[in-house]
Amino acid sequence: MIMEGYINILKSLNKTGLELIILALVLYYLSIIIYALRWKIILDSMGKNVPLIDLLKAVLSSIFVNNVTPISRGGGEILRVIWISKKYKIPLSLSTVSILYERIMEAFPVTILLFLGLTYFARHIIYFVSLAIFVVVLIWLNWEELTKLSVKIINVKLTAEELMDIISLKRKFSLNILVVGLSSVVWFLDMLRLKLIALAFGWNPSIRFLAIVSLANLIFGLMAFTPGGIGIVEGGLIGTLTYFGIPPTLALSITLIERFISYVLSSMVGGIILVTSGGTDIWKVLKSR
């Protein structure tokens, strides 16, 4: 029934529309490659050389796990930790630190995205730009407190030495710039993917509006308690679009295609990678925890 709905939507598109959807799909997997590259750069800075292709497999498999287990980004992150620790004899604490560092650094592009979205409602953009810069600087100056707070929120048990390892990464300026830059590119590609899907249906939203939609997607995904946020993310995205005056039929079509790429297809690809890359043993370890 659901697949029939996807097929009907795709049939309603012309050749240009289908090409835009394919390009949106390409951008999604480009984002995944950037995620894996970002992780490799972080691990390299910690003296651990893991092949990019194996990190890519771990990331793809983690998406599958996130999509089939409750609580967004829960099981998938644990799978990534176990994956590289088991295959490359990397201490669990170090692999955990690498992923925590990723999450903390994402606070910077998310903050910028937030204020970009807020400019949609503003007449004087310069005020929001100035406020965004102020908040980013504030986060940087309070790096240690932010790190400790993040550890508490994620509820990860780290030794005092491991915690200091994360805090000390602040001194690696070039690493921080590179990680924030790659994270920002991923968020930009996320908005661009949404724009391509919208264009496929004849709607051309602004980047500032897409920033709002991307933030809504993030919030609903984090709030969701269902596997992969299924039902909650779709309802939240449709509700967000219709709230801003987008026709329900258009909102439904955009949401279904977006979720087909980021949930249905990603789950299929991730599941195949998990099975064919020896990840089933890691999956068993994960389920036993």
C-alpha atoms as a PDB file:
ATOM      1  CA  MET A   1       0.000   0.000   0.000  1.00  0.00           C
ATOM      2  CA  ILE A   2       2.756   2.451   0.980  1.00  0.00           C
ATOM      3  CA  MET A   3       4.976   1.425  -1.935  1.00  0.00           C
ATOM      4  CA  GLU A   4       2.028   1.918  -4.241  1.00  0.00           C
ATOM      5  CA  GLY A   5       1.736   5.465  -2.940  1.00  0.00           C
ATOM      6  CA  TYR A   6       5.423   6.117  -3.697  1.00  0.00           C
ATOM      7  CA  ILE A   7       5.027   4.706  -7.207  1.00  0.00           C
ATOM      8  CA  ASN A   8       1.976   6.877  -7.901  1.00  0.00           C
ATOM      9  CA  ILE A   9       3.813   9.994  -6.752  1.00  0.00           C
ATOM     10  CA  LEU A  10       6.832   9.205  -8.933  1.00  0.00           C
ATOM     11  CA  LYS A  11       4.561   8.516 -11.912  1.00  0.00           C
ATOM     12  CA  SER A  12       3.051  11.978 -11.515  1.00  0.00           C
ATOM     13  CA  LEU A  13       6.454  13.600 -12.095  1.00  0.00           C
ATOM     14  CA  ASN A  14       7.832  14.574 -15.484  1.00  0.00           C
ATOM     15  CA  LYS A  15      11.343  13.708 -16.664  1.00  0.00           C
ATOM     16  CA  THR A  16      12.879  16.806 -15.069  1.00  0.00           C
ATOM     17  CA  GLY A  17      11.160  16.037 -11.781  1.00  0.00           C
ATOM     18  CA  LEU A  18      12.502  12.483 -11.750  1.00  0.00           C
ATOM     19  CA  GLU A  19      16.008  13.749 -12.510  1.00  0.00           C
ATOM     20  CA  LEU A  20      15.769  16.148  -9.545  1.00  0.00           C
ATOM     21  CA  ILE A  21      14.692  13.284  -7.256  1.00  0.00           C
ATOM     22  CA  ILE A  22      17.654  11.196  -8.439  1.00  0.00           C
ATOM     23  CA  LEU A  23      19.972  14.141  -7.774  1.00  0.00           C
ATOM     24  CA  ALA A  24      18.456  14.498  -4.284  1.00  0.00           C
ATOM     25  CA  LEU A  25      19.219  10.813  -3.704  1.00  0.00           C
ATOM     26  CA  VAL A  26      22.826  11.353  -4.818  1.00  0.00           C
ATOM     27  CA  LEU A  27      23.173  14.279  -2.397  1.00  0.00           C
ATOM     28  CA  TYR A  28      21.908  12.114   0.468  1.00  0.00           C
ATOM     29  CA  TYR A  29      24.644   9.538  -0.061  1.00  0.00           C
ATOM     30  CA  LEU A  30      27.213  12.271  -0.594  1.00  0.00           C
ATOM     31  CA  SER A  31      26.278  13.441   2.908  1.00  0.00           C
ATOM     32  CA  ILE A  32      26.885   9.925   4.243  1.00  0.00           C
ATOM     33  CA  ILE A  33      30.342   9.877   2.656  1.00  0.00           C
ATOM     34  CA  ILE A  34      31.111  13.226   4.292  1.00  0.00           C
ATOM     35  CA  TYR A  35      29.959  11.834   7.659  1.00  0.00           C
ATOM     36  CA  ALA A  36      32.391   8.935   7.260  1.00  0.00           C
ATOM     37  CA  LEU A  37      35.191  11.281   6.147  1.00  0.00           C
ATOM     38  CA  ARG A  38      34.598  13.515   9.161  1.00  0.00           C
ATOM     39  CA  TRP A  39      34.822  10.510  11.469  1.00  0.00           C
ATOM     40  CA  LYS A  40      38.060   9.360   9.814  1.00  0.00           C
ATOM     41  CA  ILE A  41      39.631  12.795  10.259  1.00  0.00           C
ATOM     42  CA  ILE A  42      38.744  12.724  13.960  1.00  0.00           C
ATOM     43  CA  LEU A  43      40.140   9.219  14.440  1.00  0.00           C
ATOM     44  CA  ASP A  44      43.301  10.140  12.519  1.00  0.00           C
ATOM     45  CA  SER A  45      43.818  13.072  14.895  1.00  0.00           C
ATOM     46  CA  MET A  46      43.685  10.531  17.731  1.00  0.00           C
ATOM     47  CA  GLY A  47      46.347   8.388  16.100  1.00  0.00           C
ATOM     48  CA  LYS A  48      43.971   5.697  14.822  1.00  0.00           C
ATOM     49  CA  ASN A  49      44.032   4.957  11.089  1.00  0.00           C
ATOM     50  CA  VAL A  50      40.808   3.253   9.972  1.00  0.00           C
ATOM     51  CA  PRO A  51      40.048   2.853   6.227  1.00  0.00           C
ATOM     52  CA  LEU A  52      37.389   5.257   4.981  1.00  0.00           C
ATOM     53  CA  ILE A  53      35.442   2.447   3.300  1.00  0.00           C
ATOM     54  CA  ASP A  54      35.042   0.585   6.596  1.00  0.00           C
ATOM     55  CA  LEU A  55      33.905   3.735   8.375  1.00  0.00           C
ATOM     56  CA  LEU A  56      31.402   4.282   5.554  1.00  0.00           C
ATOM     57  CA  LYS A  57      30.053   0.764   6.058  1.00  0.00           C
ATOM     58  CA  ALA A  58      29.745   1.425   9.788  1.00  0.00           C
ATOM     59  CA  VAL A  59      27.855   4.684   9.201  1.00  0.00           C
ATOM     60  CA  LEU A  60      25.471   3.087   6.677  1.00  0.00           C
ATOM     61  CA  SER A  61      24.851   0.165   9.030  1.00  0.00           C
ATOM     62  CA  SER A  62      24.253   2.552  11.943  1.00  0.00           C
ATOM     63  CA  ILE A  63      21.520   4.278   9.936  1.00  0.00           C
ATOM     64  CA  PHE A  64      19.772   0.927   9.540  1.00  0.00           C
ATOM     65  CA  VAL A  65      20.047   0.281  13.288  1.00  0.00           C
ATOM     66  CA  ASN A  66      18.709   3.754  14.101  1.00  0.00           C
ATOM     67  CA  ASN A  67      15.786   3.149  11.744  1.00  0.00           C
ATOM     68  CA  VAL A  68      14.749  -0.145  13.322  1.00  0.00           C
ATOM     69  CA  THR A  69      15.319   0.623  16.997  1.00  0.00           C
ATOM     70  CA  PRO A  70      13.521   3.133  19.243  1.00  0.00           C
ATOM     71  CA  ILE A  71      15.120   6.465  20.169  1.00  0.00           C
ATOM     72  CA  SER A  72      16.838   8.349  17.369  1.00  0.00           C
ATOM     73  CA  ARG A  73      20.608   7.837  17.036  1.00  0.00           C
ATOM     74  CA  GLY A  74      20.669   5.470  20.006  1.00  0.00           C
ATOM     75  CA  GLY A  75      21.610   2.017  18.828  1.00  0.00           C
ATOM     76  CA  GLY A  76      23.344   3.242  15.701  1.00  0.00           C
ATOM     77  CA  GLU A  77      25.989   5.195  17.599  1.00  0.00           C
ATOM     78  CA  ILE A  78      26.688   2.218  19.849  1.00  0.00           C
ATOM     79  CA  LEU A  79      27.065   0.025  16.772  1.00  0.00           C
ATOM     80  CA  ARG A  80      29.645   2.446  15.344  1.00  0.00           C
ATOM     81  CA  VAL A  81      31.624   2.316  18.594  1.00  0.00           C
ATOM     82  CA  ILE A  82      31.597  -1.483  18.711  1.00  0.00           C
ATOM     83  CA  TRP A  83      32.270  -1.799  14.967  1.00  0.00           C
ATOM     84  CA  ILE A  84      35.656  -0.052  14.929  1.00  0.00           C
ATOM     85  CA  SER A  85      36.621  -1.248  18.421  1.00  0.00           C
ATOM     86  CA  LYS A  86      36.033  -4.886  17.475  1.00  0.00           C
ATOM     87  CA  LYS A  87      37.571  -4.755  13.988  1.00  0.00           C
ATOM     88  CA  TYR A  88      40.518  -2.455  14.670  1.00  0.00           C
ATOM     89  CA  LYS A  89      41.207  -3.079  18.358  1.00  0.00           C
ATOM     90  CA  ILE A  90      40.473   0.523  19.226  1.00  0.00           C
ATOM     91  CA  PRO A  91      39.583   1.048  22.910  1.00  0.00           C
ATOM     92  CA  LEU A  92      35.847   1.533  23.420  1.00  0.00           C
ATOM     93  CA  SER A  93      36.525   4.719  25.357  1.00  0.00           C
ATOM     94  CA  LEU A  94      38.456   6.269  22.460  1.00  0.00           C
ATOM     95  CA  SER A  95      35.868   5.362  19.811  1.00  0.00           C
ATOM     96  CA  THR A  96      33.161   6.723  22.124  1.00  0.00           C
ATOM     97  CA  VAL A  97      35.104   9.970  22.523  1.00  0.00           C
ATOM     98  CA  SER A  98      35.373  10.336  18.720  1.00  0.00           C
ATOM     99  CA  ILE A  99      31.595  10.160  18.320  1.00  0.00           C
ATOM    100  CA  LEU A 100      30.899  12.427  21.300  1.00  0.00           C
ATOM    101  CA  TYR A 101      33.263  14.979  19.782  1.00  0.00           C
ATOM    102  CA  GLU A 102      31.283  14.794  16.525  1.00  0.00           C
ATOM    103  CA  ARG A 103      28.048  15.519  18.332  1.00  0.00           C
ATOM    104  CA  ILE A 104      29.484  18.413  20.336  1.00  0.00           C
ATOM    105  CA  MET A 105      30.943  20.053  17.230  1.00  0.00           C
ATOM    106  CA  GLU A 106      27.571  19.840  15.489  1.00  0.00           C
ATOM    107  CA  ALA A 107      26.349  22.454  17.960  1.00  0.00           C
ATOM    108  CA  PHE A 108      28.076  25.103  15.838  1.00  0.00           C
ATOM    109  CA  PRO A 109      26.377  24.488  12.448  1.00  0.00           C
ATOM    110  CA  VAL A 110      23.042  23.770  14.164  1.00  0.00           C
ATOM    111  CA  THR A 111      23.264  27.158  15.914  1.00  0.00           C
ATOM    112  CA  ILE A 112      23.950  28.852  12.586  1.00  0.00           C
ATOM    113  CA  LEU A 113      21.063  26.926  11.016  1.00  0.00           C
ATOM    114  CA  LEU A 114      18.775  28.063  13.842  1.00  0.00           C
ATOM    115  CA  PHE A 115      19.509  31.734  13.288  1.00  0.00           C
ATOM    116  CA  LEU A 116      19.309  31.314   9.524  1.00  0.00           C
ATOM    117  CA  GLY A 117      15.800  29.969  10.049  1.00  0.00           C
ATOM    118  CA  LEU A 118      14.920  32.837  12.365  1.00  0.00           C
ATOM    119  CA  THR A 119      15.855  35.358   9.666  1.00  0.00           C
ATOM    120  CA  TYR A 120      12.842  34.068   7.736  1.00  0.00           C
ATOM    121  CA  PHE A 121      10.706  36.063  10.162  1.00  0.00           C
ATOM    122  CA  ALA A 122      13.032  39.069  10.405  1.00  0.00           C
ATOM    123  CA  ARG A 123      13.263  42.361   8.581  1.00  0.00           C
ATOM    124  CA  HIS A 124      16.712  43.207   9.887  1.00  0.00           C
ATOM    125  CA  ILE A 125      18.869  40.167   9.196  1.00  0.00           C
ATOM    126  CA  ILE A 126      22.032  41.797  10.542  1.00  0.00           C
ATOM    127  CA  TYR A 127      20.714  41.502  14.115  1.00  0.00           C
ATOM    128  CA  PHE A 128      20.294  37.733  13.802  1.00  0.00           C
ATOM    129  CA  VAL A 129      23.678  37.336  12.121  1.00  0.00           C
ATOM    130  CA  SER A 130      25.315  39.234  14.981  1.00  0.00           C
ATOM    131  CA  LEU A 131      23.439  37.148  17.552  1.00  0.00           C
ATOM    132  CA  ALA A 132      24.466  33.929  15.789  1.00  0.00           C
ATOM    133  CA  ILE A 133      28.123  34.958  15.894  1.00  0.00           C
ATOM    134  CA  PHE A 134      27.770  35.841  19.583  1.00  0.00           C
ATOM    135  CA  VAL A 135      26.235  32.442  20.437  1.00  0.00           C
ATOM    136  CA  VAL A 136      28.907  30.551  18.466  1.00  0.00           C
ATOM    137  CA  VAL A 137      31.663  32.440  20.312  1.00  0.00           C
ATOM    138  CA  LEU A 138      29.872  31.762  23.616  1.00  0.00           C
ATOM    139  CA  ILE A 139      29.787  28.035  22.868  1.00  0.00           C
ATOM    140  CA  TRP A 140      33.495  28.094  22.034  1.00  0.00           C
ATOM    141  CA  LEU A 141      34.425  29.950  25.224  1.00  0.00           C
ATOM    142  CA  ASN A 142      32.397  27.490  27.299  1.00  0.00           C
ATOM    143  CA  TRP A 143      33.728  24.375  25.544  1.00  0.00           C
ATOM    144  CA  GLU A 144      34.570  22.545  28.780  1.00  0.00           C
ATOM    145  CA  GLU A 145      31.136  23.130  30.323  1.00  0.00           C
ATOM    146  CA  LEU A 146      29.408  22.167  27.065  1.00  0.00           C
ATOM    147  CA  THR A 147      31.429  18.961  26.883  1.00  0.00           C
ATOM    148  CA  LYS A 148      30.558  17.957  30.434  1.00  0.00           C
ATOM    149  CA  LEU A 149      26.889  18.764  29.830  1.00  0.00           C
ATOM    150  CA  SER A 150      26.857  16.709  26.614  1.00  0.00           C
ATOM    151  CA  VAL A 151      28.351  13.715  28.424  1.00  0.00           C
ATOM    152  CA  LYS A 152      25.633  13.967  31.089  1.00  0.00           C
ATOM    153  CA  ILE A 153      22.828  14.287  28.525  1.00  0.00           C
ATOM    154  CA  ILE A 154      24.048  11.332  26.468  1.00  0.00           C
ATOM    155  CA  ASN A 155      24.605   9.454  29.758  1.00  0.00           C
ATOM    156  CA  VAL A 156      28.009   8.024  28.844  1.00  0.00           C
ATOM    157  CA  LYS A 157      30.352   6.934  31.595  1.00  0.00           C
ATOM    158  CA  LEU A 158      33.806   8.358  30.982  1.00  0.00           C
ATOM    159  CA  THR A 159      36.834   8.458  33.209  1.00  0.00           C
ATOM    160  CA  ALA A 160      38.320  11.820  34.122  1.00  0.00           C
ATOM    161  CA  GLU A 161      41.139  11.119  31.635  1.00  0.00           C
ATOM    162  CA  GLU A 162      38.720  10.348  28.791  1.00  0.00           C
ATOM    163  CA  LEU A 163      36.747  13.492  29.518  1.00  0.00           C
ATOM    164  CA  MET A 164      39.940  15.537  29.384  1.00  0.00           C
ATOM    165  CA  ASP A 165      40.755  13.919  26.018  1.00  0.00           C
ATOM    166  CA  ILE A 166      37.595  15.475  24.554  1.00  0.00           C
ATOM    167  CA  ILE A 167      38.169  18.826  26.234  1.00  0.00           C
ATOM    168  CA  SER A 168      41.772  18.930  24.996  1.00  0.00           C
ATOM    169  CA  LEU A 169      40.602  18.629  21.372  1.00  0.00           C
ATOM    170  CA  LYS A 170      39.714  22.318  21.562  1.00  0.00           C
ATOM    171  CA  ARG A 171      43.413  23.085  21.172  1.00  0.00           C
ATOM    172  CA  LYS A 172      43.465  21.417  17.726  1.00  0.00           C
ATOM    173  CA  PHE A 173      42.224  24.476  15.869  1.00  0.00           C
ATOM    174  CA  SER A 174      42.611  23.101  12.341  1.00  0.00           C
ATOM    175  CA  LEU A 175      40.743  19.917  13.335  1.00  0.00           C
ATOM    176  CA  ASN A 176      37.878  21.933  14.816  1.00  0.00           C
ATOM    177  CA  ILE A 177      37.569  24.119  11.727  1.00  0.00           C
ATOM    178  CA  LEU A 178      37.602  21.094   9.430  1.00  0.00           C
ATOM    179  CA  VAL A 179      35.016  19.149  11.451  1.00  0.00           C
ATOM    180  CA  VAL A 180      32.687  22.147  11.762  1.00  0.00           C
ATOM    181  CA  GLY A 181      33.144  22.843   8.056  1.00  0.00           C
ATOM    182  CA  LEU A 182      32.235  19.285   7.048  1.00  0.00           C
ATOM    183  CA  SER A 183      29.260  19.304   9.425  1.00  0.00           C
ATOM    184  CA  SER A 184      28.062  22.556   7.887  1.00  0.00           C
ATOM    185  CA  VAL A 185      28.359  21.073   4.396  1.00  0.00           C
ATOM    186  CA  VAL A 186      26.181  18.139   5.479  1.00  0.00           C
ATOM    187  CA  TRP A 187      23.478  20.504   6.764  1.00  0.00           C
ATOM    188  CA  PHE A 188      23.666  22.527   3.556  1.00  0.00           C
ATOM    189  CA  LEU A 189      23.265  19.347   1.494  1.00  0.00           C
ATOM    190  CA  ASP A 190      20.287  18.419   3.664  1.00  0.00           C
ATOM    191  CA  MET A 191      18.573  21.700   2.782  1.00  0.00           C
ATOM    192  CA  LEU A 192      19.591  21.388  -0.856  1.00  0.00           C
ATOM    193  CA  ARG A 193      18.094  17.886  -0.987  1.00  0.00           C
ATOM    194  CA  LEU A 194      14.795  19.233   0.316  1.00  0.00           C
ATOM    195  CA  LYS A 195      14.933  22.032  -2.240  1.00  0.00           C
ATOM    196  CA  LEU A 196      15.469  19.582  -5.115  1.00  0.00           C
ATOM    197  CA  ILE A 197      12.520  17.480  -3.962  1.00  0.00           C
ATOM    198  CA  ALA A 198      10.364  20.606  -3.742  1.00  0.00           C
ATOM    199  CA  LEU A 199      11.506  21.737  -7.203  1.00  0.00           C
ATOM    200  CA  ALA A 200      10.531  18.335  -8.586  1.00  0.00           C
ATOM    201  CA  PHE A 201       6.949  19.214  -7.636  1.00  0.00           C
ATOM    202  CA  GLY A 202       7.153  22.767  -8.987  1.00  0.00           C
ATOM    203  CA  TRP A 203       7.794  24.613  -5.708  1.00  0.00           C
ATOM    204  CA  ASN A 204      10.897  26.750  -5.132  1.00  0.00           C
ATOM    205  CA  PRO A 205      11.321  27.452  -1.385  1.00  0.00           C
ATOM    206  CA  SER A 206      13.979  29.814  -0.047  1.00  0.00           C
ATOM    207  CA  ILE A 207      17.042  28.549   1.816  1.00  0.00           C
ATOM    208  CA  ARG A 208      15.864  30.387   4.938  1.00  0.00           C
ATOM    209  CA  PHE A 209      12.555  28.522   4.861  1.00  0.00           C
ATOM    210  CA  LEU A 210      14.348  25.226   4.290  1.00  0.00           C
ATOM    211  CA  ALA A 211      16.454  25.955   7.381  1.00  0.00           C
ATOM    212  CA  ILE A 212      13.219  25.979   9.388  1.00  0.00           C
ATOM    213  CA  VAL A 213      12.118  22.687   7.836  1.00  0.00           C
ATOM    214  CA  SER A 214      15.521  21.066   8.511  1.00  0.00           C
ATOM    215  CA  LEU A 215      15.406  22.177  12.145  1.00  0.00           C
ATOM    216  CA  ALA A 216      11.871  20.830  12.484  1.00  0.00           C
ATOM    217  CA  ASN A 217      13.050  17.519  11.022  1.00  0.00           C
ATOM    218  CA  LEU A 218      15.882  17.411  13.568  1.00  0.00           C
ATOM    219  CA  ILE A 219      13.627  18.225  16.507  1.00  0.00           C
ATOM    220  CA  PHE A 220      10.939  15.708  15.584  1.00  0.00           C
ATOM    221  CA  GLY A 221      13.614  13.067  15.008  1.00  0.00           C
ATOM    222  CA  LEU A 222      15.148  13.670  18.435  1.00  0.00           C
ATOM    223  CA  MET A 223      11.744  13.673  20.138  1.00  0.00           C
ATOM    224  CA  ALA A 224      10.564  10.501  18.417  1.00  0.00           C
ATOM    225  CA  PHE A 225      10.335   7.310  20.459  1.00  0.00           C
ATOM    226  CA  THR A 226       9.368   5.079  17.526  1.00  0.00           C
ATOM    227  CA  PRO A 227      11.956   3.236  15.386  1.00  0.00           C
ATOM    228  CA  GLY A 228      13.522   5.793  13.065  1.00  0.00           C
ATOM    229  CA  GLY A 229      10.892   8.303  14.198  1.00  0.00           C
ATOM    230  CA  ILE A 230       8.402   6.636  11.879  1.00  0.00           C
ATOM    231  CA  GLY A 231       5.000   8.310  12.006  1.00  0.00           C
ATOM    232  CA  ILE A 232       6.228  11.170  14.181  1.00  0.00           C
ATOM    233  CA  VAL A 233       8.744  12.667  11.742  1.00  0.00           C
ATOM    234  CA  GLU A 234       6.313  12.348   8.825  1.00  0.00           C
ATOM    235  CA  GLY A 235       3.485  13.960  10.776  1.00  0.00           C
ATOM    236  CA  GLY A 236       5.769  16.706  12.061  1.00  0.00           C
ATOM    237  CA  LEU A 237       7.144  17.528   8.618  1.00  0.00           C
ATOM    238  CA  ILE A 238       3.705  17.593   6.984  1.00  0.00           C
ATOM    239  CA  GLY A 239       2.400  19.708   9.855  1.00  0.00           C
ATOM    240  CA  THR A 240       5.302  22.166   9.566  1.00  0.00           C
ATOM    241  CA  LEU A 241       4.819  22.605   5.821  1.00  0.00           C
ATOM    242  CA  THR A 242       1.044  23.041   6.023  1.00  0.00           C
ATOM    243  CA  TYR A 243       1.428  25.472   8.942  1.00  0.00           C
ATOM    244  CA  PHE A 244       3.378  27.763   6.610  1.00  0.00           C
ATOM    245  CA  GLY A 245       0.701  27.561   3.941  1.00  0.00           C
ATOM    246  CA  ILE A 246       1.968  24.729   1.766  1.00  0.00           C
ATOM    247  CA  PRO A 247      -0.976  22.788   0.224  1.00  0.00           C
ATOM    248  CA  PRO A 248      -1.522  19.447   2.045  1.00  0.00           C
ATOM    249  CA  THR A 249      -1.128  17.398  -1.143  1.00  0.00           C
ATOM    250  CA  LEU A 250       2.223  19.039  -1.917  1.00  0.00           C
ATOM    251  CA  ALA A 251       3.357  18.691   1.712  1.00  0.00           C
ATOM    252  CA  LEU A 252       2.457  14.990   1.666  1.00  0.00           C
ATOM    253  CA  SER A 253       4.289  14.363  -1.620  1.00  0.00           C
ATOM    254  CA  ILE A 254       7.478  16.130  -0.458  1.00  0.00           C
ATOM    255  CA  THR A 255       7.415  14.312   2.882  1.00  0.00           C
ATOM    256  CA  LEU A 256       6.909  10.868   1.353  1.00  0.00           C
ATOM    257  CA  ILE A 257       9.768  11.291  -1.124  1.00  0.00           C
ATOM    258  CA  GLU A 258      12.085  12.732   1.538  1.00  0.00           C
ATOM    259  CA  ARG A 259      11.338   9.828   3.894  1.00  0.00           C
ATOM    260  CA  PHE A 260      11.677   7.313   1.082  1.00  0.00           C
ATOM    261  CA  ILE A 261      15.244   8.522   0.594  1.00  0.00           C
ATOM    262  CA  SER A 262      16.242   9.061   4.232  1.00  0.00           C
ATOM    263  CA  TYR A 263      14.305   6.191   5.827  1.00  0.00           C
ATOM    264  CA  VAL A 264      13.068   3.475   3.450  1.00  0.00           C
ATOM    265  CA  LEU A 265      15.962   3.324   0.997  1.00  0.00           C
ATOM    266  CA  SER A 266      18.609   4.072   3.629  1.00  0.00           C
ATOM    267  CA  SER A 267      17.278   1.211   5.770  1.00  0.00           C
ATOM    268  CA  MET A 268      17.456  -1.194   2.841  1.00  0.00           C
ATOM    269  CA  VAL A 269      21.010  -0.166   1.914  1.00  0.00           C
ATOM    270  CA  GLY A 270      22.168  -0.136   5.546  1.00  0.00           C
ATOM    271  CA  GLY A 271      20.661  -3.562   6.207  1.00  0.00           C
ATOM    272  CA  ILE A 272      22.420  -5.044   3.175  1.00  0.00           C
ATOM    273  CA  ILE A 273      25.750  -3.503   4.236  1.00  0.00           C
ATOM    274  CA  LEU A 274      25.299  -4.790   7.797  1.00  0.00           C
ATOM    275  CA  VAL A 275      24.727  -8.364   6.597  1.00  0.00           C
ATOM    276  CA  THR A 276      27.387  -8.441   3.866  1.00  0.00           C
ATOM    277  CA  SER A 277      30.140  -6.712   5.874  1.00  0.00           C
ATOM    278  CA  GLY A 278      30.180  -9.005   8.868  1.00  0.00           C
ATOM    279  CA  GLY A 279      28.124  -6.630  10.948  1.00  0.00           C
ATOM    280  CA  THR A 280      25.687  -9.305  12.097  1.00  0.00           C
ATOM    281  CA  ASP A 281      28.094 -10.363  14.860  1.00  0.00           C
ATOM    282  CA  ILE A 282      28.308  -6.749  16.009  1.00  0.00           C
ATOM    283  CA  TRP A 283      24.507  -6.513  15.828  1.00  0.00           C
ATOM    284  CA  LYS A 284      24.255  -9.539  18.145  1.00  0.00           C
ATOM    285  CA  VAL A 285      26.617  -7.891  20.615  1.00  0.00           C
ATOM    286  CA  LEU A 286      24.534  -4.718  20.428  1.00  0.00           C
ATOM    287  CA  LYS A 287      21.249  -6.535  21.061  1.00  0.00           C
ATOM    288  CA  SER A 288      22.720  -8.296  24.075  1.00  0.00           C
ATOM    289  CA  ARG A 289      23.488  -4.972  25.760  1.00  0.00           C
END
